[in-house]
C-alpha atoms as a PDB file:
ATOM      1  CA  MET A   1       0.009   0.057   0.051  1.00  0.00           C
ATOM      2  CA  VAL A   2       1.411   3.296  -0.999  1.00  0.00           C
ATOM      3  CA  TYR A   3      -0.720   5.600   1.138  1.00  0.00           C
ATOM      4  CA  ARG A   4      -0.535   5.231   4.913  1.00  0.00           C
ATOM      5  CA  ILE A   5      -1.251   7.600   7.700  1.00  0.00           C
ATOM      6  CA  GLY A   6       2.046   8.120   9.566  1.00  0.00           C
ATOM      7  CA  HIS A   7       2.311   8.207  13.315  1.00  0.00           C
ATOM      8  CA  ASN A   8       2.018  11.987  13.099  1.00  0.00           C
ATOM      9  CA  GLY A   9      -1.104  11.930  11.006  1.00  0.00           C
ATOM     10  CA  GLY A  10       0.643  12.639   7.751  1.00  0.00           C
ATOM     11  CA  VAL A  11       1.059  10.876   4.471  1.00  0.00           C
ATOM     12  CA  TYR A  12       3.677   8.109   4.681  1.00  0.00           C
ATOM     13  CA  VAL A  13       5.656   7.034   1.543  1.00  0.00           C
ATOM     14  CA  SER A  14       7.882   4.092   2.203  1.00  0.00           C
ATOM     15  CA  ALA A  15      11.723   4.186   1.702  1.00  0.00           C
ATOM     16  CA  ARG A  16      11.087   1.372  -0.904  1.00  0.00           C
ATOM     17  CA  CYS A  17       8.841   3.649  -2.982  1.00  0.00           C
ATOM     18  CA  ASP A  18      11.116   6.694  -2.618  1.00  0.00           C
ATOM     19  CA  TYR A  19      14.208   4.687  -3.563  1.00  0.00           C
ATOM     20  CA  ALA A  20      12.529   2.980  -6.547  1.00  0.00           C
ATOM     21  CA  LEU A  21      11.394   6.378  -7.933  1.00  0.00           C
ATOM     22  CA  ARG A  22      14.721   7.876  -7.395  1.00  0.00           C
ATOM     23  CA  ALA A  23      16.528   5.027  -9.118  1.00  0.00           C
ATOM     24  CA  LEU A  24      14.083   4.830 -12.125  1.00  0.00           C
ATOM     25  CA  VAL A  25      14.195   8.646 -12.464  1.00  0.00           C
ATOM     26  CA  SER A  26      17.917   8.505 -12.618  1.00  0.00           C
ATOM     27  CA  LEU A  27      17.816   5.750 -15.099  1.00  0.00           C
ATOM     28  CA  ALA A  28      15.364   7.703 -17.260  1.00  0.00           C
ATOM     29  CA  ALA A  29      17.620  10.766 -17.062  1.00  0.00           C
ATOM     30  CA  ALA A  30      20.788   8.721 -18.092  1.00  0.00           C
ATOM     31  CA  GLY A  31      19.115   7.356 -21.165  1.00  0.00           C
ATOM     32  CA  HIS A  32      21.280   4.237 -21.052  1.00  0.00           C
ATOM     33  CA  PRO A  33      21.506   1.028 -18.968  1.00  0.00           C
ATOM     34  CA  MET A  34      22.952   1.431 -15.485  1.00  0.00           C
ATOM     35  CA  THR A  35      24.088  -1.001 -12.938  1.00  0.00           C
ATOM     36  CA  ALA A  36      22.611  -1.227  -9.490  1.00  0.00           C
ATOM     37  CA  GLU A  37      25.879   0.137  -8.156  1.00  0.00           C
ATOM     38  CA  GLU A  38      25.684   3.158 -10.573  1.00  0.00           C
ATOM     39  CA  LEU A  39      22.095   3.873  -9.584  1.00  0.00           C
ATOM     40  CA  ALA A  40      22.849   3.687  -5.908  1.00  0.00           C
ATOM     41  CA  THR A  41      25.726   5.950  -6.192  1.00  0.00           C
ATOM     42  CA  SER A  42      23.758   8.444  -8.395  1.00  0.00           C
ATOM     43  CA  GLN A  43      21.198   8.857  -5.546  1.00  0.00           C
ATOM     44  CA  GLN A  44      23.377   7.895  -2.401  1.00  0.00           C
ATOM     45  CA  LEU A  45      21.273   4.769  -1.753  1.00  0.00           C
ATOM     46  CA  PRO A  46      22.349   1.630   0.074  1.00  0.00           C
ATOM     47  CA  VAL A  47      23.178  -0.740  -2.794  1.00  0.00           C
ATOM     48  CA  ASN A  48      21.943  -3.934  -1.189  1.00  0.00           C
ATOM     49  CA  PHE A  49      18.536  -2.482  -0.364  1.00  0.00           C
ATOM     50  CA  LEU A  50      18.256  -1.004  -3.956  1.00  0.00           C
ATOM     51  CA  GLU A  51      19.154  -4.365  -5.504  1.00  0.00           C
ATOM     52  CA  ALA A  52      16.180  -5.966  -3.757  1.00  0.00           C
ATOM     53  CA  ILE A  53      13.951  -3.138  -4.996  1.00  0.00           C
ATOM     54  CA  LEU A  54      15.231  -3.493  -8.527  1.00  0.00           C
ATOM     55  CA  GLN A  55      14.554  -7.235  -8.413  1.00  0.00           C
ATOM     56  CA  ASP A  56      10.917  -6.364  -7.596  1.00  0.00           C
ATOM     57  CA  LEU A  57      10.757  -3.813 -10.480  1.00  0.00           C
ATOM     58  CA  ARG A  58      12.137  -6.472 -12.705  1.00  0.00           C
ATOM     59  CA  ARG A  59       9.577  -9.135 -11.543  1.00  0.00           C
ATOM     60  CA  GLY A  60       6.878  -6.338 -11.920  1.00  0.00           C
ATOM     61  CA  GLY A  61       7.804  -5.977 -15.617  1.00  0.00           C
ATOM     62  CA  LEU A  62       9.075  -2.416 -15.467  1.00  0.00           C
ATOM     63  CA  ILE A  63      12.796  -3.071 -16.115  1.00  0.00           C
ATOM     64  CA  ALA A  64      15.065  -5.841 -17.245  1.00  0.00           C
ATOM     65  CA  SER A  65      18.797  -6.622 -16.322  1.00  0.00           C
ATOM     66  CA  ARG A  66      21.551  -7.648 -18.574  1.00  0.00           C
ATOM     67  CA  ARG A  67      25.055  -8.970 -17.739  1.00  0.00           C
ATOM     68  CA  GLY A  68      28.182  -8.585 -19.829  1.00  0.00           C
ATOM     69  CA  PRO A  69      29.705  -5.647 -21.607  1.00  0.00           C
ATOM     70  CA  ASP A  70      26.273  -3.717 -21.739  1.00  0.00           C
ATOM     71  CA  ALA A  71      25.436  -4.720 -18.211  1.00  0.00           C
ATOM     72  CA  GLY A  72      22.764  -2.899 -16.251  1.00  0.00           C
ATOM     73  CA  TYR A  73      19.154  -2.201 -15.867  1.00  0.00           C
ATOM     74  CA  ARG A  74      16.965  -0.864 -18.700  1.00  0.00           C
ATOM     75  CA  PHE A  75      13.282  -0.093 -19.179  1.00  0.00           C
ATOM     76  CA  LEU A  76      11.005  -2.559 -20.749  1.00  0.00           C
ATOM     77  CA  ARG A  77       8.617   0.337 -21.735  1.00  0.00           C
ATOM     78  CA  PRO A  78       9.648   3.828 -22.534  1.00  0.00           C
ATOM     79  CA  PRO A  79       9.906   6.153 -19.469  1.00  0.00           C
ATOM     80  CA  GLU A  80       7.371   8.304 -21.259  1.00  0.00           C
ATOM     81  CA  GLU A  81       4.803   5.469 -20.661  1.00  0.00           C
ATOM     82  CA  LEU A  82       5.542   4.803 -17.092  1.00  0.00           C
ATOM     83  CA  THR A  83       4.028   6.770 -14.202  1.00  0.00           C
ATOM     84  CA  ALA A  84       5.002   7.217 -10.673  1.00  0.00           C
ATOM     85  CA  ALA A  85       1.788   5.179  -9.766  1.00  0.00           C
ATOM     86  CA  ASP A  86       3.083   2.214 -11.912  1.00  0.00           C
ATOM     87  CA  VAL A  87       6.356   2.141  -9.988  1.00  0.00           C
ATOM     88  CA  MET A  88       4.627   2.546  -6.617  1.00  0.00           C
ATOM     89  CA  ARG A  89       2.099  -0.234  -7.311  1.00  0.00           C
ATOM     90  CA  VAL A  90       4.921  -2.725  -8.202  1.00  0.00           C
ATOM     91  CA  VAL A  91       6.813  -1.942  -5.063  1.00  0.00           C
ATOM     92  CA  GLU A  92       3.995  -1.506  -2.495  1.00  0.00           C
ATOM     93  CA  GLY A  93       0.711  -2.656  -4.096  1.00  0.00           C
ATOM     94  CA  PRO A  94      -2.497  -0.732  -4.224  1.00  0.00           C
ATOM     95  CA  LEU A  95      -2.205   3.066  -3.834  1.00  0.00           C
ATOM     96  CA  ALA A  96      -4.798   3.244  -0.942  1.00  0.00           C
ATOM     97  CA  GLU A  97      -6.119   0.637   1.511  1.00  0.00           C
ATOM     98  CA  VAL A  98      -8.170   0.979   4.674  1.00  0.00           C
ATOM     99  CA  ARG A  99      -7.529  -1.760   7.177  1.00  0.00           C
ATOM    100  CA  GLY A 100      -6.219  -3.852   4.405  1.00  0.00           C
ATOM    101  CA  LEU A 101      -9.220  -3.417   2.260  1.00  0.00           C
ATOM    102  CA  ARG A 102      -9.524  -1.411  -0.967  1.00  0.00           C
ATOM    103  CA  PRO A 103     -11.730   1.605  -0.343  1.00  0.00           C
ATOM    104  CA  GLU A 104     -14.680   0.286  -2.401  1.00  0.00           C
ATOM    105  CA  SER A 105     -14.710  -2.771  -0.100  1.00  0.00           C
ATOM    106  CA  THR A 106     -15.184  -0.939   3.073  1.00  0.00           C
ATOM    107  CA  THR A 107     -18.592  -0.541   4.713  1.00  0.00           C
ATOM    108  CA  TYR A 108     -19.846   1.611   7.387  1.00  0.00           C
ATOM    109  CA  THR A 109     -23.062   2.173   9.062  1.00  0.00           C
ATOM    110  CA  GLY A 110     -24.913   5.162  10.558  1.00  0.00           C
ATOM    111  CA  ALA A 111     -23.106   8.387  10.879  1.00  0.00           C
ATOM    112  CA  ALA A 112     -19.754   6.828   9.599  1.00  0.00           C
ATOM    113  CA  GLU A 113     -21.390   5.742   6.149  1.00  0.00           C
ATOM    114  CA  PRO A 114     -19.732   8.619   4.182  1.00  0.00           C
ATOM    115  CA  LEU A 115     -16.232   7.422   5.094  1.00  0.00           C
ATOM    116  CA  GLN A 116     -16.236   4.911   2.140  1.00  0.00           C
ATOM    117  CA  GLU A 117     -16.741   7.911  -0.194  1.00  0.00           C
ATOM    118  CA  LEU A 118     -14.010   9.859   1.553  1.00  0.00           C
ATOM    119  CA  TRP A 119     -11.522   6.905   1.144  1.00  0.00           C
ATOM    120  CA  ILE A 120     -12.537   6.565  -2.511  1.00  0.00           C
ATOM    121  CA  ALA A 121     -11.978  10.290  -3.063  1.00  0.00           C
ATOM    122  CA  LEU A 122      -8.626  10.139  -1.369  1.00  0.00           C
ATOM    123  CA  ARG A 123      -7.636   7.200  -3.728  1.00  0.00           C
ATOM    124  CA  ALA A 124      -8.920   9.307  -6.795  1.00  0.00           C
ATOM    125  CA  SER A 125      -6.773  12.168  -5.517  1.00  0.00           C
ATOM    126  CA  LEU A 126      -3.638   9.988  -5.244  1.00  0.00           C
ATOM    127  CA  ARG A 127      -4.278   8.497  -8.706  1.00  0.00           C
ATOM    128  CA  SER A 128      -4.710  12.060 -10.166  1.00  0.00           C
ATOM    129  CA  VAL A 129      -1.226  13.051  -8.971  1.00  0.00           C
ATOM    130  CA  LEU A 130       0.637   9.819  -9.304  1.00  0.00           C
ATOM    131  CA  GLU A 131      -0.740   8.713 -12.611  1.00  0.00           C
ATOM    132  CA  GLY A 132      -0.469  12.235 -13.891  1.00  0.00           C
ATOM    133  CA  VAL A 133       3.392  12.277 -14.184  1.00  0.00           C
ATOM    134  CA  THR A 134       5.746   9.930 -16.033  1.00  0.00           C
ATOM    135  CA  LEU A 135       9.293   8.993 -15.217  1.00  0.00           C
ATOM    136  CA  ALA A 136      10.393  10.888 -18.348  1.00  0.00           C
ATOM    137  CA  GLN A 137       8.740  14.099 -17.075  1.00  0.00           C
ATOM    138  CA  LEU A 138      10.237  13.645 -13.719  1.00  0.00           C
ATOM    139  CA  ALA A 139      13.754  13.000 -15.195  1.00  0.00           C
ATOM    140  CA  LYS A 140      13.431  16.166 -17.312  1.00  0.00           C
ATOM    141  CA  GLY A 141      12.231  18.192 -14.344  1.00  0.00           C
ATOM    142  CA  GLN A 142       9.025  18.976 -16.314  1.00  0.00           C
ATOM    143  CA  LEU A 143       6.068  18.476 -14.042  1.00  0.00           C
ATOM    144  CA  PRO A 144       2.671  18.562 -15.678  1.00  0.00           C
ATOM    145  CA  ARG A 145       0.855  21.908 -15.440  1.00  0.00           C
ATOM    146  CA  LYS A 146      -1.743  20.366 -13.035  1.00  0.00           C
ATOM    147  CA  LEU A 147       1.055  19.400 -10.549  1.00  0.00           C
ATOM    148  CA  LYS A 148       2.922  22.554 -10.868  1.00  0.00           C
ATOM    149  CA  ALA A 149      -0.355  24.308  -9.735  1.00  0.00           C
ATOM    150  CA  LEU A 150      -0.574  22.201  -6.742  1.00  0.00           C
ATOM    151  CA  VAL A 151       3.015  22.825  -5.792  1.00  0.00           C
ATOM    152  CA  ALA A 152       2.704  26.548  -6.433  1.00  0.00           C
ATOM    153  CA  GLU A 153       0.065  26.786  -3.713  1.00  0.00           C
ATOM    154  CA  PRO A 154       1.825  28.319  -0.679  1.00  0.00           C
ATOM    155  CA  GLU A 155      -0.258  26.207   1.684  1.00  0.00           C
ATOM    156  CA  ALA A 156       1.142  22.996  -0.022  1.00  0.00           C
ATOM    157  CA  TRP A 157       4.392  23.696   1.694  1.00  0.00           C
ATOM    158  CA  VAL A 158       3.083  24.306   5.197  1.00  0.00           C
ATOM    159  CA  PRO A 159       2.994  21.327   7.532  1.00  0.00           C
ATOM    160  CA  HIS A 160      -0.357  20.864   9.561  1.00  0.00           C
END
């Protein structure tokens, strides 16, 4: 699950998701295969942990690895076709869960009944952001206009 409420009440993105995105954005920016060591060095990540993440990404069909003179990881689909959500789902599973259930599978009674729609809206919001940006856009530093507008809001930078 990508979305969790952290102990302080905020959104929690796991180190696995963060490291996976950092490595794949670096790979997209490089434009050529890179080894796990090169990817780890480029982002100052622990290589052993990154290797385990890269294996998950390989099993998830996002990247492939090659040994030999052209050794390294490469994309199976162009980074222009891969979104942050694609990566996060491979690494952590569904974008949002409530008590281990997908939001549409939750049920509430009485005054709490609207919570299901709240969780579905939350997931839709996550999808809007994470499916709205590709690895290629991130690698080029070109956030889509919709995301730039969110980041431009001064309130977005203020912790609550």
